[in-house]
Amino acid sequence: MSSNSDLTARARIRDAAIALFTDRGIGGATIRDIAQAADVSSGLLRHHFGSKEGLRDACDEWAMGQIAQLQMRFADSQTIGPLTPEVMILQQYLVRSLMDGSPRGSAMFLQAVEHGEQWLASTHLETSDRRAYVAVLGAMKMGMFLMGDQLTAALGEDVRSRPGYLRMIRASIEVFSQPLLTPEQTDQAFKALDRFESDEGVS
């Protein structure tokens, strides 16, 4: 088998694994299932990745690299890139990886926070705690995917399918495009937090 064929088989295995891991979780996808979906033998899969855990690590690393490239392009240009089915799959896979307790998935979130801090520093947005701002923002965005079943029930269409996904993302853009609090409400909320902080330890 030529080197190009090896690379093609490796990519097919990776893509099949990402799809099955996203759909079933790490525990629910077997080596045999992944090999069958990639149209390769289980032996070839083990040749490339060693084990299911090794394959999961390779998928995490590849997905993290792809998302990091998108984040850095956004930070450099301040423009939104094209939304593709591949981006949708990557987002869903990485959230599932976090849910399954993947160490690389957790590292991905920390990496995203660090990239977010760099992006935030280049904007006009104001915050007293830059790291908390981007970490909470990231968690809020991921929450849409973590609550996919609940959103699917509420919207009446599967948010993992393209129509439901697009509806969910459009709604999130509308949420982020306009302030939900007036300046007066924001000031009141911060003052309430300040009072709560000053009352700490008071019975």
N, C-alpha and C. Protein backbone atom coordinates (compact mmCIF):
# COMPACT_ATOMS: atom_id res chain seq x y z
N MET A 1 0.85 -1.20 0.00
CA MET A 1 0.00 0.00 0.00
C MET A 1 0.88 1.24 0.00
N SER A 2 0.59 2.20 -0.86
CA SER A 2 1.42 3.40 -0.97
C SER A 2 1.19 4.31 0.21
N SER A 3 2.14 5.26 0.39
CA SER A 3 2.02 6.20 1.51
C SER A 3 0.78 7.05 1.37
N ASN A 4 0.44 7.46 0.14
CA ASN A 4 -0.77 8.26 -0.06
C ASN A 4 -2.01 7.47 0.34
N SER A 5 -2.04 6.18 0.02
CA SER A 5 -3.18 5.36 0.40
C SER A 5 -3.26 5.23 1.91
N ASP A 6 -2.08 5.10 2.56
CA ASP A 6 -2.07 5.03 4.01
C ASP A 6 -2.68 6.29 4.61
N LEU A 7 -2.29 7.46 4.09
CA LEU A 7 -2.82 8.71 4.60
C LEU A 7 -4.32 8.80 4.37
N THR A 8 -4.77 8.35 3.20
CA THR A 8 -6.19 8.40 2.91
C THR A 8 -6.97 7.49 3.87
N ALA A 9 -6.45 6.30 4.11
CA ALA A 9 -7.10 5.38 5.05
C ALA A 9 -7.11 5.98 6.45
N ARG A 10 -6.00 6.59 6.86
CA ARG A 10 -5.92 7.20 8.19
C ARG A 10 -6.97 8.30 8.33
N ALA A 11 -7.12 9.11 7.29
CA ALA A 11 -8.11 10.19 7.34
C ALA A 11 -9.53 9.63 7.39
N ARG A 12 -9.78 8.56 6.63
CA ARG A 12 -11.11 7.94 6.65
C ARG A 12 -11.43 7.39 8.04
N ILE A 13 -10.44 6.75 8.66
CA ILE A 13 -10.64 6.22 10.01
C ILE A 13 -10.92 7.35 10.98
N ARG A 14 -10.14 8.41 10.90
CA ARG A 14 -10.33 9.56 11.80
C ARG A 14 -11.71 10.16 11.64
N ASP A 15 -12.14 10.37 10.39
CA ASP A 15 -13.45 10.97 10.16
C ASP A 15 -14.58 10.07 10.64
N ALA A 16 -14.44 8.76 10.41
CA ALA A 16 -15.46 7.83 10.88
C ALA A 16 -15.50 7.81 12.40
N ALA A 17 -14.34 7.85 13.03
CA ALA A 17 -14.29 7.84 14.49
C ALA A 17 -14.92 9.10 15.07
N ILE A 18 -14.63 10.24 14.48
CA ILE A 18 -15.22 11.49 14.97
C ILE A 18 -16.74 11.42 14.88
N ALA A 19 -17.26 10.91 13.77
CA ALA A 19 -18.71 10.82 13.60
C ALA A 19 -19.32 9.87 14.64
N LEU A 20 -18.71 8.71 14.85
CA LEU A 20 -19.27 7.72 15.78
C LEU A 20 -19.06 8.14 17.24
N PHE A 21 -17.90 8.71 17.56
CA PHE A 21 -17.68 9.19 18.92
C PHE A 21 -18.68 10.29 19.26
N THR A 22 -18.97 11.15 18.28
CA THR A 22 -19.93 12.23 18.51
C THR A 22 -21.32 11.67 18.75
N ASP A 23 -21.68 10.67 17.96
CA ASP A 23 -23.03 10.12 18.03
C ASP A 23 -23.24 9.22 19.25
N ARG A 24 -22.23 8.40 19.57
CA ARG A 24 -22.41 7.37 20.59
C ARG A 24 -21.56 7.58 21.85
N GLY A 25 -20.60 8.48 21.79
CA GLY A 25 -19.65 8.59 22.89
C GLY A 25 -18.53 7.58 22.72
N ILE A 26 -17.46 7.76 23.51
CA ILE A 26 -16.31 6.87 23.39
C ILE A 26 -16.70 5.43 23.71
N GLY A 27 -17.47 5.25 24.79
CA GLY A 27 -17.82 3.90 25.20
C GLY A 27 -18.74 3.19 24.23
N GLY A 28 -19.53 3.93 23.48
CA GLY A 28 -20.52 3.31 22.60
C GLY A 28 -20.03 2.98 21.21
N ALA A 29 -18.84 3.43 20.86
CA ALA A 29 -18.29 3.17 19.52
C ALA A 29 -17.17 2.15 19.63
N THR A 30 -17.29 1.04 18.92
CA THR A 30 -16.28 -0.02 18.99
C THR A 30 -15.29 0.13 17.83
N ILE A 31 -14.14 -0.52 18.01
CA ILE A 31 -13.13 -0.56 16.95
C ILE A 31 -13.74 -1.13 15.67
N ARG A 32 -14.52 -2.21 15.82
CA ARG A 32 -15.13 -2.84 14.65
C ARG A 32 -16.08 -1.89 13.94
N ASP A 33 -16.91 -1.16 14.72
CA ASP A 33 -17.85 -0.20 14.12
C ASP A 33 -17.11 0.87 13.33
N ILE A 34 -16.05 1.39 13.92
CA ILE A 34 -15.30 2.47 13.28
C ILE A 34 -14.62 1.97 12.01
N ALA A 35 -14.01 0.79 12.10
CA ALA A 35 -13.35 0.22 10.93
C ALA A 35 -14.36 -0.03 9.81
N GLN A 36 -15.53 -0.55 10.17
CA GLN A 36 -16.56 -0.81 9.16
C GLN A 36 -17.01 0.49 8.50
N ALA A 37 -17.21 1.55 9.31
CA ALA A 37 -17.64 2.84 8.76
C ALA A 37 -16.58 3.45 7.86
N ALA A 38 -15.30 3.18 8.16
CA ALA A 38 -14.20 3.71 7.35
C ALA A 38 -13.84 2.80 6.19
N ASP A 39 -14.49 1.64 6.12
CA ASP A 39 -14.24 0.66 5.06
C ASP A 39 -12.79 0.18 5.08
N VAL A 40 -12.31 -0.11 6.30
CA VAL A 40 -10.97 -0.68 6.47
C VAL A 40 -11.08 -1.84 7.45
N SER A 41 -10.00 -2.59 7.62
CA SER A 41 -9.98 -3.69 8.57
C SER A 41 -9.65 -3.16 9.96
N SER A 42 -10.07 -3.91 10.98
CA SER A 42 -9.72 -3.54 12.35
C SER A 42 -8.21 -3.55 12.54
N GLY A 43 -7.54 -4.47 11.83
CA GLY A 43 -6.08 -4.54 11.92
C GLY A 43 -5.42 -3.28 11.40
N LEU A 44 -5.95 -2.71 10.30
CA LEU A 44 -5.36 -1.49 9.76
C LEU A 44 -5.59 -0.33 10.71
N LEU A 45 -6.77 -0.30 11.33
CA LEU A 45 -7.04 0.75 12.31
C LEU A 45 -6.02 0.68 13.45
N ARG A 46 -5.79 -0.53 13.96
CA ARG A 46 -4.83 -0.67 15.06
C ARG A 46 -3.41 -0.35 14.60
N HIS A 47 -3.11 -0.63 13.34
CA HIS A 47 -1.79 -0.29 12.80
C HIS A 47 -1.56 1.22 12.86
N HIS A 48 -2.57 1.98 12.52
CA HIS A 48 -2.43 3.43 12.50
C HIS A 48 -2.50 4.06 13.89
N PHE A 49 -3.38 3.54 14.76
CA PHE A 49 -3.67 4.24 16.01
C PHE A 49 -3.41 3.42 17.27
N GLY A 50 -3.17 2.13 17.13
CA GLY A 50 -2.83 1.30 18.28
C GLY A 50 -4.03 0.79 19.06
N SER A 51 -4.93 1.67 19.46
CA SER A 51 -6.07 1.29 20.27
C SER A 51 -7.16 2.34 20.10
N LYS A 52 -8.32 2.07 20.69
CA LYS A 52 -9.40 3.05 20.61
C LYS A 52 -9.01 4.33 21.35
N GLU A 53 -8.30 4.18 22.46
CA GLU A 53 -7.86 5.36 23.21
C GLU A 53 -6.86 6.17 22.39
N GLY A 54 -5.97 5.48 21.69
CA GLY A 54 -5.03 6.18 20.83
C GLY A 54 -5.73 6.90 19.70
N LEU A 55 -6.76 6.27 19.16
CA LEU A 55 -7.55 6.89 18.10
C LEU A 55 -8.28 8.11 18.64
N ARG A 56 -8.85 7.99 19.85
CA ARG A 56 -9.55 9.12 20.46
C ARG A 56 -8.59 10.29 20.65
N ASP A 57 -7.37 10.01 21.14
CA ASP A 57 -6.39 11.08 21.34
C ASP A 57 -6.04 11.75 20.01
N ALA A 58 -5.90 10.95 18.95
CA ALA A 58 -5.57 11.50 17.64
C ALA A 58 -6.71 12.37 17.11
N CYS A 59 -7.94 11.92 17.33
CA CYS A 59 -9.10 12.71 16.91
C CYS A 59 -9.17 14.03 17.68
N ASP A 60 -8.95 13.96 18.99
CA ASP A 60 -8.96 15.17 19.81
C ASP A 60 -7.91 16.16 19.32
N GLU A 61 -6.70 15.65 19.09
CA GLU A 61 -5.60 16.53 18.68
C GLU A 61 -5.91 17.19 17.33
N TRP A 62 -6.42 16.40 16.41
CA TRP A 62 -6.73 16.95 15.09
C TRP A 62 -7.85 17.98 15.17
N ALA A 63 -8.91 17.66 15.91
CA ALA A 63 -10.03 18.59 16.03
C ALA A 63 -9.61 19.87 16.74
N MET A 64 -8.79 19.75 17.79
CA MET A 64 -8.30 20.93 18.48
C MET A 64 -7.49 21.82 17.55
N GLY A 65 -6.66 21.18 16.72
CA GLY A 65 -5.85 21.95 15.78
C GLY A 65 -6.70 22.70 14.78
N GLN A 66 -7.76 22.06 14.29
CA GLN A 66 -8.63 22.71 13.32
C GLN A 66 -9.36 23.90 13.94
N ILE A 67 -9.89 23.72 15.15
CA ILE A 67 -10.60 24.80 15.83
C ILE A 67 -9.63 25.93 16.18
N ALA A 68 -8.41 25.59 16.60
CA ALA A 68 -7.42 26.62 16.94
C ALA A 68 -7.10 27.48 15.72
N GLN A 69 -7.00 26.85 14.55
CA GLN A 69 -6.74 27.61 13.32
C GLN A 69 -7.88 28.59 13.05
N LEU A 70 -9.12 28.14 13.23
CA LEU A 70 -10.27 29.02 13.02
C LEU A 70 -10.27 30.17 14.00
N GLN A 71 -9.93 29.89 15.27
CA GLN A 71 -9.90 30.93 16.29
C GLN A 71 -8.82 31.97 15.98
N MET A 72 -7.65 31.50 15.57
CA MET A 72 -6.56 32.44 15.29
C MET A 72 -6.85 33.28 14.06
N ARG A 73 -7.51 32.67 13.05
CA ARG A 73 -7.87 33.46 11.87
C ARG A 73 -8.87 34.54 12.24
N PHE A 74 -9.81 34.20 13.14
CA PHE A 74 -10.78 35.20 13.59
C PHE A 74 -10.09 36.29 14.38
N ALA A 75 -9.16 35.91 15.28
CA ALA A 75 -8.45 36.90 16.09
C ALA A 75 -7.62 37.83 15.21
N ASP A 76 -7.03 37.29 14.15
CA ASP A 76 -6.18 38.11 13.28
C ASP A 76 -6.98 39.04 12.38
N SER A 77 -8.11 38.55 11.88
CA SER A 77 -8.86 39.32 10.88
C SER A 77 -10.11 40.00 11.42
N GLN A 78 -10.60 39.52 12.60
CA GLN A 78 -11.84 40.03 13.18
C GLN A 78 -13.03 39.84 12.24
N THR A 79 -12.95 38.84 11.37
CA THR A 79 -14.06 38.54 10.47
C THR A 79 -14.51 37.10 10.69
N ILE A 80 -15.78 36.85 10.49
CA ILE A 80 -16.35 35.52 10.66
C ILE A 80 -16.11 34.71 9.39
N GLY A 81 -15.49 33.55 9.55
CA GLY A 81 -15.24 32.69 8.40
C GLY A 81 -16.49 31.94 7.99
N PRO A 82 -16.40 31.20 6.89
CA PRO A 82 -17.57 30.45 6.41
C PRO A 82 -17.94 29.34 7.38
N LEU A 83 -19.25 29.16 7.54
CA LEU A 83 -19.76 28.06 8.37
C LEU A 83 -19.98 26.87 7.45
N THR A 84 -19.32 25.78 7.76
CA THR A 84 -19.39 24.58 6.92
C THR A 84 -19.87 23.40 7.75
N PRO A 85 -20.32 22.33 7.09
CA PRO A 85 -20.69 21.12 7.85
C PRO A 85 -19.54 20.59 8.68
N GLU A 86 -18.29 20.78 8.20
CA GLU A 86 -17.13 20.31 8.94
C GLU A 86 -16.99 21.05 10.27
N VAL A 87 -17.24 22.36 10.26
CA VAL A 87 -17.18 23.14 11.49
C VAL A 87 -18.25 22.66 12.47
N MET A 88 -19.44 22.42 11.97
CA MET A 88 -20.53 21.93 12.82
C MET A 88 -20.14 20.61 13.48
N ILE A 89 -19.55 19.70 12.71
CA ILE A 89 -19.16 18.39 13.23
C ILE A 89 -18.06 18.55 14.28
N LEU A 90 -17.08 19.43 14.02
CA LEU A 90 -15.99 19.64 14.97
C LEU A 90 -16.52 20.16 16.30
N GLN A 91 -17.42 21.12 16.23
CA GLN A 91 -18.00 21.67 17.47
C GLN A 91 -18.69 20.58 18.27
N GLN A 92 -19.51 19.79 17.59
CA GLN A 92 -20.25 18.74 18.28
C GLN A 92 -19.32 17.67 18.83
N TYR A 93 -18.28 17.34 18.08
CA TYR A 93 -17.33 16.32 18.54
C TYR A 93 -16.58 16.79 19.78
N LEU A 94 -16.08 18.03 19.78
CA LEU A 94 -15.28 18.51 20.90
C LEU A 94 -16.11 18.63 22.17
N VAL A 95 -17.37 19.03 22.03
CA VAL A 95 -18.23 19.08 23.21
C VAL A 95 -18.47 17.67 23.74
N ARG A 96 -18.68 16.71 22.85
CA ARG A 96 -18.88 15.32 23.29
C ARG A 96 -17.61 14.79 23.97
N SER A 97 -16.46 15.20 23.44
CA SER A 97 -15.20 14.79 24.04
C SER A 97 -15.06 15.32 25.46
N LEU A 98 -15.49 16.56 25.68
CA LEU A 98 -15.49 17.12 27.02
C LEU A 98 -16.44 16.35 27.93
N MET A 99 -17.62 16.02 27.43
CA MET A 99 -18.60 15.28 28.22
C MET A 99 -18.07 13.92 28.62
N ASP A 100 -17.26 13.29 27.75
CA ASP A 100 -16.73 11.97 28.03
C ASP A 100 -15.48 12.01 28.90
N GLY A 101 -15.08 13.21 29.34
CA GLY A 101 -13.94 13.32 30.25
C GLY A 101 -12.59 13.19 29.58
N SER A 102 -12.49 13.55 28.31
CA SER A 102 -11.22 13.46 27.61
C SER A 102 -10.24 14.50 28.15
N PRO A 103 -9.02 14.09 28.55
CA PRO A 103 -8.02 15.08 28.99
C PRO A 103 -7.72 16.10 27.91
N ARG A 104 -7.66 15.65 26.67
CA ARG A 104 -7.40 16.59 25.58
C ARG A 104 -8.58 17.53 25.37
N GLY A 105 -9.79 17.03 25.63
CA GLY A 105 -10.95 17.91 25.53
C GLY A 105 -10.88 19.02 26.55
N SER A 106 -10.47 18.69 27.77
CA SER A 106 -10.30 19.71 28.80
C SER A 106 -9.19 20.68 28.42
N ALA A 107 -8.11 20.15 27.86
CA ALA A 107 -7.01 21.00 27.41
C ALA A 107 -7.47 21.93 26.29
N MET A 108 -8.37 21.42 25.44
CA MET A 108 -8.91 22.24 24.36
C MET A 108 -9.64 23.45 24.91
N PHE A 109 -10.42 23.24 25.97
CA PHE A 109 -11.16 24.37 26.54
C PHE A 109 -10.20 25.42 27.10
N LEU A 110 -9.15 24.98 27.80
CA LEU A 110 -8.17 25.92 28.33
C LEU A 110 -7.45 26.65 27.20
N GLN A 111 -7.17 25.93 26.13
CA GLN A 111 -6.53 26.55 24.97
C GLN A 111 -7.45 27.60 24.35
N ALA A 112 -8.74 27.28 24.28
CA ALA A 112 -9.70 28.23 23.73
C ALA A 112 -9.79 29.49 24.60
N VAL A 113 -9.70 29.31 25.93
CA VAL A 113 -9.72 30.46 26.83
C VAL A 113 -8.51 31.35 26.59
N GLU A 114 -7.35 30.74 26.42
CA GLU A 114 -6.13 31.52 26.18
C GLU A 114 -6.23 32.29 24.87
N HIS A 115 -6.72 31.64 23.82
CA HIS A 115 -6.91 32.34 22.55
C HIS A 115 -7.96 33.45 22.71
N GLY A 116 -9.00 33.17 23.51
CA GLY A 116 -10.03 34.17 23.74
C GLY A 116 -9.49 35.40 24.45
N GLU A 117 -8.56 35.20 25.38
CA GLU A 117 -7.96 36.35 26.06
C GLU A 117 -7.18 37.22 25.08
N GLN A 118 -6.47 36.58 24.17
CA GLN A 118 -5.74 37.34 23.14
C GLN A 118 -6.70 38.14 22.27
N TRP A 119 -7.79 37.49 21.89
CA TRP A 119 -8.79 38.18 21.07
C TRP A 119 -9.40 39.35 21.83
N LEU A 120 -9.77 39.12 23.09
CA LEU A 120 -10.43 40.16 23.87
C LEU A 120 -9.54 41.38 24.05
N ALA A 121 -8.25 41.15 24.19
CA ALA A 121 -7.30 42.26 24.37
C ALA A 121 -7.26 43.16 23.14
N SER A 122 -7.66 42.62 21.98
CA SER A 122 -7.59 43.40 20.75
C SER A 122 -8.90 44.11 20.43
N THR A 123 -9.90 43.99 21.31
CA THR A 123 -11.20 44.59 21.06
C THR A 123 -11.43 45.78 21.98
N HIS A 124 -12.56 46.45 21.78
CA HIS A 124 -12.95 47.58 22.61
C HIS A 124 -13.79 47.15 23.80
N LEU A 125 -14.04 45.84 23.94
CA LEU A 125 -14.88 45.34 25.02
C LEU A 125 -14.23 45.58 26.38
N GLU A 126 -15.04 45.94 27.33
CA GLU A 126 -14.54 46.25 28.67
C GLU A 126 -14.90 45.14 29.64
N THR A 127 -13.94 44.75 30.47
CA THR A 127 -14.17 43.74 31.51
C THR A 127 -13.16 43.93 32.62
N SER A 128 -13.59 43.64 33.84
CA SER A 128 -12.67 43.74 34.98
C SER A 128 -11.92 42.44 35.19
N ASP A 129 -12.32 41.37 34.49
CA ASP A 129 -11.69 40.06 34.66
C ASP A 129 -11.69 39.37 33.30
N ARG A 130 -10.63 39.59 32.56
CA ARG A 130 -10.58 39.12 31.17
C ARG A 130 -10.71 37.60 31.08
N ARG A 131 -10.01 36.88 31.95
CA ARG A 131 -10.04 35.42 31.85
C ARG A 131 -11.43 34.88 32.19
N ALA A 132 -12.04 35.42 33.24
CA ALA A 132 -13.39 34.97 33.60
C ALA A 132 -14.36 35.27 32.46
N TYR A 133 -14.21 36.41 31.82
CA TYR A 133 -15.10 36.82 30.73
C TYR A 133 -15.09 35.77 29.62
N VAL A 134 -13.90 35.43 29.13
CA VAL A 134 -13.83 34.51 27.99
C VAL A 134 -14.16 33.08 28.42
N ALA A 135 -13.82 32.69 29.66
CA ALA A 135 -14.12 31.33 30.12
C ALA A 135 -15.63 31.14 30.25
N VAL A 136 -16.31 32.13 30.84
CA VAL A 136 -17.77 32.02 30.99
C VAL A 136 -18.45 32.08 29.62
N LEU A 137 -17.95 32.94 28.74
CA LEU A 137 -18.51 33.02 27.39
C LEU A 137 -18.39 31.67 26.68
N GLY A 138 -17.22 31.05 26.80
CA GLY A 138 -17.03 29.74 26.17
C GLY A 138 -17.95 28.68 26.74
N ALA A 139 -18.11 28.70 28.08
CA ALA A 139 -18.99 27.73 28.71
C ALA A 139 -20.45 27.94 28.29
N MET A 140 -20.85 29.20 28.16
CA MET A 140 -22.22 29.48 27.73
C MET A 140 -22.46 28.97 26.31
N LYS A 141 -21.50 29.17 25.44
CA LYS A 141 -21.65 28.71 24.05
C LYS A 141 -21.69 27.18 23.99
N MET A 142 -20.83 26.53 24.78
CA MET A 142 -20.83 25.07 24.80
C MET A 142 -22.10 24.51 25.41
N GLY A 143 -22.72 25.28 26.31
CA GLY A 143 -23.95 24.84 26.93
C GLY A 143 -25.05 24.52 25.92
N MET A 144 -25.04 25.23 24.78
CA MET A 144 -26.03 24.92 23.74
C MET A 144 -25.91 23.48 23.28
N PHE A 145 -24.66 23.01 23.14
CA PHE A 145 -24.44 21.66 22.66
C PHE A 145 -24.66 20.64 23.76
N LEU A 146 -24.28 20.99 24.99
CA LEU A 146 -24.49 20.07 26.11
C LEU A 146 -25.97 19.82 26.35
N MET A 147 -26.80 20.84 26.05
CA MET A 147 -28.25 20.70 26.24
C MET A 147 -28.94 20.45 24.91
N GLY A 148 -28.26 19.74 24.03
CA GLY A 148 -28.82 19.47 22.71
C GLY A 148 -30.16 18.75 22.75
N ASP A 149 -30.30 17.77 23.66
CA ASP A 149 -31.57 17.04 23.75
C ASP A 149 -32.71 17.97 24.18
N GLN A 150 -32.43 18.83 25.15
CA GLN A 150 -33.46 19.75 25.64
C GLN A 150 -33.83 20.79 24.58
N LEU A 151 -32.82 21.31 23.86
CA LEU A 151 -33.10 22.26 22.79
C LEU A 151 -33.89 21.60 21.67
N THR A 152 -33.54 20.36 21.35
CA THR A 152 -34.27 19.63 20.31
C THR A 152 -35.74 19.50 20.67
N ALA A 153 -36.01 19.18 21.93
CA ALA A 153 -37.40 19.04 22.39
C ALA A 153 -38.12 20.39 22.35
N ALA A 154 -37.42 21.45 22.74
CA ALA A 154 -38.05 22.78 22.80
C ALA A 154 -38.32 23.34 21.40
N LEU A 155 -37.41 23.08 20.46
CA LEU A 155 -37.54 23.66 19.12
C LEU A 155 -38.33 22.76 18.17
N GLY A 156 -38.47 21.50 18.54
CA GLY A 156 -39.22 20.59 17.68
C GLY A 156 -38.44 20.09 16.48
N GLU A 157 -37.10 20.30 16.48
CA GLU A 157 -36.26 19.73 15.44
C GLU A 157 -34.86 19.49 16.00
N ASP A 158 -34.21 18.48 15.48
CA ASP A 158 -32.93 18.04 16.01
C ASP A 158 -31.85 19.08 15.75
N VAL A 159 -31.26 19.63 16.82
CA VAL A 159 -30.23 20.65 16.64
C VAL A 159 -28.90 20.05 16.19
N ARG A 160 -28.84 18.71 16.10
CA ARG A 160 -27.64 18.07 15.55
C ARG A 160 -27.74 17.93 14.04
N SER A 161 -28.94 18.14 13.49
CA SER A 161 -29.11 18.16 12.04
C SER A 161 -28.87 19.58 11.55
N ARG A 162 -28.63 19.73 10.27
CA ARG A 162 -28.28 21.06 9.77
C ARG A 162 -29.39 22.10 9.99
N PRO A 163 -30.67 21.80 9.69
CA PRO A 163 -31.71 22.83 9.92
C PRO A 163 -31.81 23.26 11.38
N GLY A 164 -31.81 22.28 12.30
CA GLY A 164 -31.90 22.62 13.71
C GLY A 164 -30.66 23.33 14.21
N TYR A 165 -29.50 22.90 13.74
CA TYR A 165 -28.24 23.54 14.12
C TYR A 165 -28.23 25.00 13.68
N LEU A 166 -28.64 25.26 12.43
CA LEU A 166 -28.64 26.62 11.92
C LEU A 166 -29.62 27.50 12.69
N ARG A 167 -30.76 26.93 13.06
CA ARG A 167 -31.73 27.69 13.84
C ARG A 167 -31.14 28.06 15.21
N MET A 168 -30.46 27.11 15.83
CA MET A 168 -29.84 27.37 17.13
C MET A 168 -28.75 28.43 17.02
N ILE A 169 -27.89 28.33 16.01
CA ILE A 169 -26.79 29.29 15.86
C ILE A 169 -27.32 30.68 15.52
N ARG A 170 -28.35 30.76 14.68
CA ARG A 170 -28.95 32.06 14.37
C ARG A 170 -29.48 32.74 15.64
N ALA A 171 -30.14 31.95 16.48
CA ALA A 171 -30.66 32.50 17.73
C ALA A 171 -29.52 33.00 18.61
N SER A 172 -28.41 32.24 18.66
CA SER A 172 -27.29 32.66 19.51
C SER A 172 -26.67 33.95 18.98
N ILE A 173 -26.61 34.10 17.67
CA ILE A 173 -26.07 35.34 17.10
C ILE A 173 -26.95 36.52 17.47
N GLU A 174 -28.27 36.31 17.41
CA GLU A 174 -29.18 37.38 17.81
C GLU A 174 -29.00 37.75 19.28
N VAL A 175 -28.78 36.73 20.12
CA VAL A 175 -28.56 37.00 21.55
C VAL A 175 -27.31 37.84 21.75
N PHE A 176 -26.22 37.48 21.06
CA PHE A 176 -24.96 38.18 21.26
C PHE A 176 -24.90 39.53 20.53
N SER A 177 -25.84 39.78 19.63
CA SER A 177 -25.77 41.00 18.83
C SER A 177 -26.41 42.21 19.51
N GLN A 178 -27.05 42.00 20.65
CA GLN A 178 -27.73 43.12 21.30
C GLN A 178 -27.68 42.96 22.82
N PRO A 179 -27.53 44.06 23.54
CA PRO A 179 -27.46 43.97 25.00
C PRO A 179 -28.80 43.56 25.58
N LEU A 180 -28.76 42.75 26.62
CA LEU A 180 -29.98 42.30 27.29
C LEU A 180 -30.29 43.14 28.52
N LEU A 181 -29.30 43.89 29.00
CA LEU A 181 -29.47 44.75 30.16
C LEU A 181 -29.27 46.21 29.77
N THR A 182 -30.05 47.09 30.37
CA THR A 182 -29.82 48.52 30.19
C THR A 182 -28.62 48.92 31.04
N PRO A 183 -28.00 50.06 30.78
CA PRO A 183 -26.89 50.52 31.64
C PRO A 183 -27.31 50.61 33.10
N GLU A 184 -28.54 51.04 33.35
CA GLU A 184 -29.01 51.14 34.74
C GLU A 184 -29.10 49.76 35.40
N GLN A 185 -29.63 48.77 34.65
CA GLN A 185 -29.74 47.41 35.19
C GLN A 185 -28.35 46.80 35.44
N THR A 186 -27.43 47.08 34.54
CA THR A 186 -26.06 46.59 34.71
C THR A 186 -25.45 47.17 35.98
N ASP A 187 -25.61 48.47 36.17
CA ASP A 187 -25.08 49.13 37.36
C ASP A 187 -25.70 48.55 38.63
N GLN A 188 -27.01 48.34 38.61
CA GLN A 188 -27.70 47.77 39.77
C GLN A 188 -27.18 46.35 40.08
N ALA A 189 -26.96 45.56 39.02
CA ALA A 189 -26.50 44.19 39.22
C ALA A 189 -25.10 44.17 39.83
N PHE A 190 -24.20 45.03 39.34
CA PHE A 190 -22.85 45.07 39.89
C PHE A 190 -22.86 45.56 41.34
N LYS A 191 -23.72 46.53 41.64
CA LYS A 191 -23.81 47.00 43.02
C LYS A 191 -24.35 45.91 43.94
N ALA A 192 -25.28 45.11 43.44
CA ALA A 192 -25.80 44.00 44.24
C ALA A 192 -24.70 42.98 44.52
N LEU A 193 -23.87 42.71 43.51
CA LEU A 193 -22.75 41.79 43.71
C LEU A 193 -21.74 42.36 44.71
N ASP A 194 -21.48 43.67 44.61
CA ASP A 194 -20.55 44.30 45.55
C ASP A 194 -21.07 44.19 46.98
N ARG A 195 -22.38 44.39 47.17
CA ARG A 195 -22.95 44.28 48.50
C ARG A 195 -22.84 42.85 49.02
N PHE A 196 -23.12 41.90 48.13
CA PHE A 196 -23.02 40.49 48.51
C PHE A 196 -21.60 40.15 48.93
N GLU A 197 -20.62 40.67 48.19
CA GLU A 197 -19.22 40.42 48.50
C GLU A 197 -18.82 41.02 49.84
N SER A 198 -19.29 42.23 50.10
CA SER A 198 -18.96 42.91 51.36
C SER A 198 -19.64 42.28 52.56
N ASP A 199 -20.76 41.57 52.31
CA ASP A 199 -21.50 40.92 53.40
C ASP A 199 -20.99 39.51 53.69
N GLU A 200 -19.97 39.06 52.98
CA GLU A 200 -19.46 37.69 53.14
C GLU A 200 -18.99 37.48 54.59
N GLY A 201 -19.45 36.43 55.15
CA GLY A 201 -19.05 36.09 56.51
C GLY A 201 -19.94 36.71 57.57
N VAL A 202 -20.87 37.59 57.13
CA VAL A 202 -21.80 38.21 58.08
C VAL A 202 -23.01 37.32 58.26
N SER A 203 -23.34 36.93 59.46
CA SER A 203 -24.47 36.02 59.68
C SER A 203 -25.76 36.82 59.73
